[in-house]
Amino acid sequence: MMSEQNFIYAIFAMCGVMLAVKVIPILFCKEKIKNTFIKSFLEYIPFAVLTSMTIPEIFHSTSSVISATIGFVVAIVLAYVGQSLVIVALSTTLVVFIAEQIMHMM
């Protein structure tokens, strides 16, 4: 399980990455960016970095990798069908809670 100090470091790292990706182009690019590759790169890189930092922690956030995997799959399916972030988060939390309770009964 992640310690409170590591959790705070992770939050600051995510904030730093998101801020850097948004601020650096403003500081160094005086004119409008016309290259579509660079524009799409700058648009999607925060999501990629945030995902790469978040997904590994999913499998360490519960008492079992099985319940974490079940929750991860539910989150992917709900996000794929277009549910809102709140619905995905609440549903995944509920599914992981139920999976943990079932596993503790066994």
C-alpha atoms as a PDB file:
ATOM      1  CA  MET A   1       0.000   0.000   0.000  1.00  0.00           C
ATOM      2  CA  MET A   2       1.228   3.485  -0.831  1.00  0.00           C
ATOM      3  CA  SER A   3       2.397   5.558   2.127  1.00  0.00           C
ATOM      4  CA  GLU A   4       0.929   8.990   2.735  1.00  0.00           C
ATOM      5  CA  GLN A   5       4.240  10.654   1.912  1.00  0.00           C
ATOM      6  CA  ASN A   6       4.551   8.817  -1.422  1.00  0.00           C
ATOM      7  CA  PHE A   7       0.936   9.704  -2.206  1.00  0.00           C
ATOM      8  CA  ILE A   8       1.684  13.399  -1.685  1.00  0.00           C
ATOM      9  CA  TYR A   9       4.825  13.105  -3.841  1.00  0.00           C
ATOM     10  CA  ALA A  10       2.749  11.473  -6.592  1.00  0.00           C
ATOM     11  CA  ILE A  11       0.196  14.296  -6.489  1.00  0.00           C
ATOM     12  CA  PHE A  12       2.933  16.932  -6.737  1.00  0.00           C
ATOM     13  CA  ALA A  13       4.608  15.040  -9.583  1.00  0.00           C
ATOM     14  CA  MET A  14       1.341  14.824 -11.527  1.00  0.00           C
ATOM     15  CA  CYS A  15       0.659  18.531 -10.949  1.00  0.00           C
ATOM     16  CA  GLY A  16       4.190  19.396 -12.042  1.00  0.00           C
ATOM     17  CA  VAL A  17       3.951  17.395 -15.248  1.00  0.00           C
ATOM     18  CA  MET A  18       0.561  18.834 -16.138  1.00  0.00           C
ATOM     19  CA  LEU A  19       1.730  22.381 -15.394  1.00  0.00           C
ATOM     20  CA  ALA A  20       5.009  21.968 -17.284  1.00  0.00           C
ATOM     21  CA  VAL A  21       3.302  20.679 -20.401  1.00  0.00           C
ATOM     22  CA  LYS A  22       0.899  23.609 -20.399  1.00  0.00           C
ATOM     23  CA  VAL A  23       3.356  26.377 -19.398  1.00  0.00           C
ATOM     24  CA  ILE A  24       6.476  25.475 -21.436  1.00  0.00           C
ATOM     25  CA  PRO A  25       4.796  26.020 -24.830  1.00  0.00           C
ATOM     26  CA  ILE A  26       3.494  29.386 -23.642  1.00  0.00           C
ATOM     27  CA  LEU A  27       6.954  30.481 -22.525  1.00  0.00           C
ATOM     28  CA  PHE A  28       8.895  29.342 -25.593  1.00  0.00           C
ATOM     29  CA  CYS A  29       6.418  29.725 -28.436  1.00  0.00           C
ATOM     30  CA  LYS A  30       5.729  33.347 -29.238  1.00  0.00           C
ATOM     31  CA  GLU A  31       3.594  32.620 -32.281  1.00  0.00           C
ATOM     32  CA  LYS A  32       0.733  30.224 -32.854  1.00  0.00           C
ATOM     33  CA  ILE A  33       1.766  26.583 -33.419  1.00  0.00           C
ATOM     34  CA  LYS A  34       0.712  25.496 -36.898  1.00  0.00           C
ATOM     35  CA  ASN A  35       2.250  22.006 -37.021  1.00  0.00           C
ATOM     36  CA  THR A  36      -0.560  19.488 -36.400  1.00  0.00           C
ATOM     37  CA  PHE A  37       1.803  16.856 -34.999  1.00  0.00           C
ATOM     38  CA  ILE A  38       3.184  19.202 -32.350  1.00  0.00           C
ATOM     39  CA  LYS A  39      -0.302  20.473 -31.504  1.00  0.00           C
ATOM     40  CA  SER A  40      -1.661  16.966 -31.008  1.00  0.00           C
ATOM     41  CA  PHE A  41       1.468  15.929 -29.071  1.00  0.00           C
ATOM     42  CA  LEU A  42       1.056  18.838 -26.656  1.00  0.00           C
ATOM     43  CA  GLU A  43      -2.637  18.083 -26.329  1.00  0.00           C
ATOM     44  CA  TYR A  44      -2.347  14.361 -25.524  1.00  0.00           C
ATOM     45  CA  ILE A  45       0.905  14.112 -23.555  1.00  0.00           C
ATOM     46  CA  PRO A  46      -0.661  15.133 -20.198  1.00  0.00           C
ATOM     47  CA  PHE A  47      -3.179  12.294 -20.479  1.00  0.00           C
ATOM     48  CA  ALA A  48      -0.472   9.789 -21.377  1.00  0.00           C
ATOM     49  CA  VAL A  49       1.761  10.833 -18.481  1.00  0.00           C
ATOM     50  CA  LEU A  50      -1.111  10.842 -16.009  1.00  0.00           C
ATOM     51  CA  THR A  51      -2.180   7.388 -17.180  1.00  0.00           C
ATOM     52  CA  SER A  52       1.335   5.980 -16.926  1.00  0.00           C
ATOM     53  CA  MET A  53       1.592   7.267 -13.361  1.00  0.00           C
ATOM     54  CA  THR A  54      -1.879   6.124 -12.278  1.00  0.00           C
ATOM     55  CA  ILE A  55      -2.270   2.606 -13.714  1.00  0.00           C
ATOM     56  CA  PRO A  56       0.612   0.961 -11.800  1.00  0.00           C
ATOM     57  CA  GLU A  57      -0.799   2.290  -8.523  1.00  0.00           C
ATOM     58  CA  ILE A  58      -4.184   0.714  -9.217  1.00  0.00           C
ATOM     59  CA  PHE A  59      -2.783  -2.742  -8.598  1.00  0.00           C
ATOM     60  CA  HIS A  60      -1.225  -1.746  -5.264  1.00  0.00           C
ATOM     61  CA  SER A  61      -4.189   0.212  -3.904  1.00  0.00           C
ATOM     62  CA  THR A  62      -6.248  -2.745  -2.688  1.00  0.00           C
ATOM     63  CA  SER A  63      -5.475  -5.739  -0.536  1.00  0.00           C
ATOM     64  CA  SER A  64      -5.640  -8.033  -3.562  1.00  0.00           C
ATOM     65  CA  VAL A  65      -4.474  -7.814  -7.148  1.00  0.00           C
ATOM     66  CA  ILE A  66      -7.602  -9.751  -8.147  1.00  0.00           C
ATOM     67  CA  SER A  67     -10.015  -7.096  -6.847  1.00  0.00           C
ATOM     68  CA  ALA A  68      -7.861  -4.358  -8.382  1.00  0.00           C
ATOM     69  CA  THR A  69      -7.937  -6.129 -11.743  1.00  0.00           C
ATOM     70  CA  ILE A  70     -11.714  -6.531 -11.556  1.00  0.00           C
ATOM     71  CA  GLY A  71     -12.076  -2.826 -10.797  1.00  0.00           C
ATOM     72  CA  PHE A  72      -9.681  -1.894 -13.592  1.00  0.00           C
ATOM     73  CA  VAL A  73     -11.647  -3.944 -16.124  1.00  0.00           C
ATOM     74  CA  VAL A  74     -14.940  -2.410 -14.970  1.00  0.00           C
ATOM     75  CA  ALA A  75     -13.449   1.087 -15.282  1.00  0.00           C
ATOM     76  CA  ILE A  76     -12.165   0.383 -18.802  1.00  0.00           C
ATOM     77  CA  VAL A  77     -15.529  -1.019 -19.939  1.00  0.00           C
ATOM     78  CA  LEU A  78     -17.555   1.849 -18.455  1.00  0.00           C
ATOM     79  CA  ALA A  79     -15.201   4.459 -19.902  1.00  0.00           C
ATOM     80  CA  TYR A  80     -15.303   2.735 -23.295  1.00  0.00           C
ATOM     81  CA  VAL A  81     -19.109   2.857 -23.438  1.00  0.00           C
ATOM     82  CA  GLY A  82     -18.992   6.572 -22.653  1.00  0.00           C
ATOM     83  CA  GLN A  83     -19.969   6.870 -18.997  1.00  0.00           C
ATOM     84  CA  SER A  84     -18.977  10.005 -17.108  1.00  0.00           C
ATOM     85  CA  LEU A  85     -15.949  10.113 -14.818  1.00  0.00           C
ATOM     86  CA  VAL A  86     -18.150  10.209 -11.721  1.00  0.00           C
ATOM     87  CA  ILE A  87     -20.088   7.107 -12.790  1.00  0.00           C
ATOM     88  CA  VAL A  88     -16.860   5.264 -13.634  1.00  0.00           C
ATOM     89  CA  ALA A  89     -15.221   6.162 -10.314  1.00  0.00           C
ATOM     90  CA  LEU A  90     -18.248   5.343  -8.151  1.00  0.00           C
ATOM     91  CA  SER A  91     -19.043   2.098  -9.977  1.00  0.00           C
ATOM     92  CA  THR A  92     -15.449   0.926  -9.858  1.00  0.00           C
ATOM     93  CA  THR A  93     -15.204   1.720  -6.151  1.00  0.00           C
ATOM     94  CA  LEU A  94     -18.399  -0.224  -5.469  1.00  0.00           C
ATOM     95  CA  VAL A  95     -17.265  -3.214  -7.544  1.00  0.00           C
ATOM     96  CA  VAL A  96     -13.878  -3.337  -5.801  1.00  0.00           C
ATOM     97  CA  PHE A  97     -15.561  -3.080  -2.393  1.00  0.00           C
ATOM     98  CA  ILE A  98     -17.923  -5.957  -3.216  1.00  0.00           C
ATOM     99  CA  ALA A  99     -15.066  -8.060  -4.619  1.00  0.00           C
ATOM    100  CA  GLU A 100     -13.008  -7.461  -1.458  1.00  0.00           C
ATOM    101  CA  GLN A 101     -15.967  -8.460   0.757  1.00  0.00           C
ATOM    102  CA  ILE A 102     -16.544 -11.652  -1.228  1.00  0.00           C
ATOM    103  CA  MET A 103     -12.865 -12.562  -1.052  1.00  0.00           C
ATOM    104  CA  HIS A 104     -12.769 -11.988   2.716  1.00  0.00           C
ATOM    105  CA  MET A 105     -15.734 -14.340   3.140  1.00  0.00           C
ATOM    106  CA  MET A 106     -13.939 -17.127   1.321  1.00  0.00           C
END
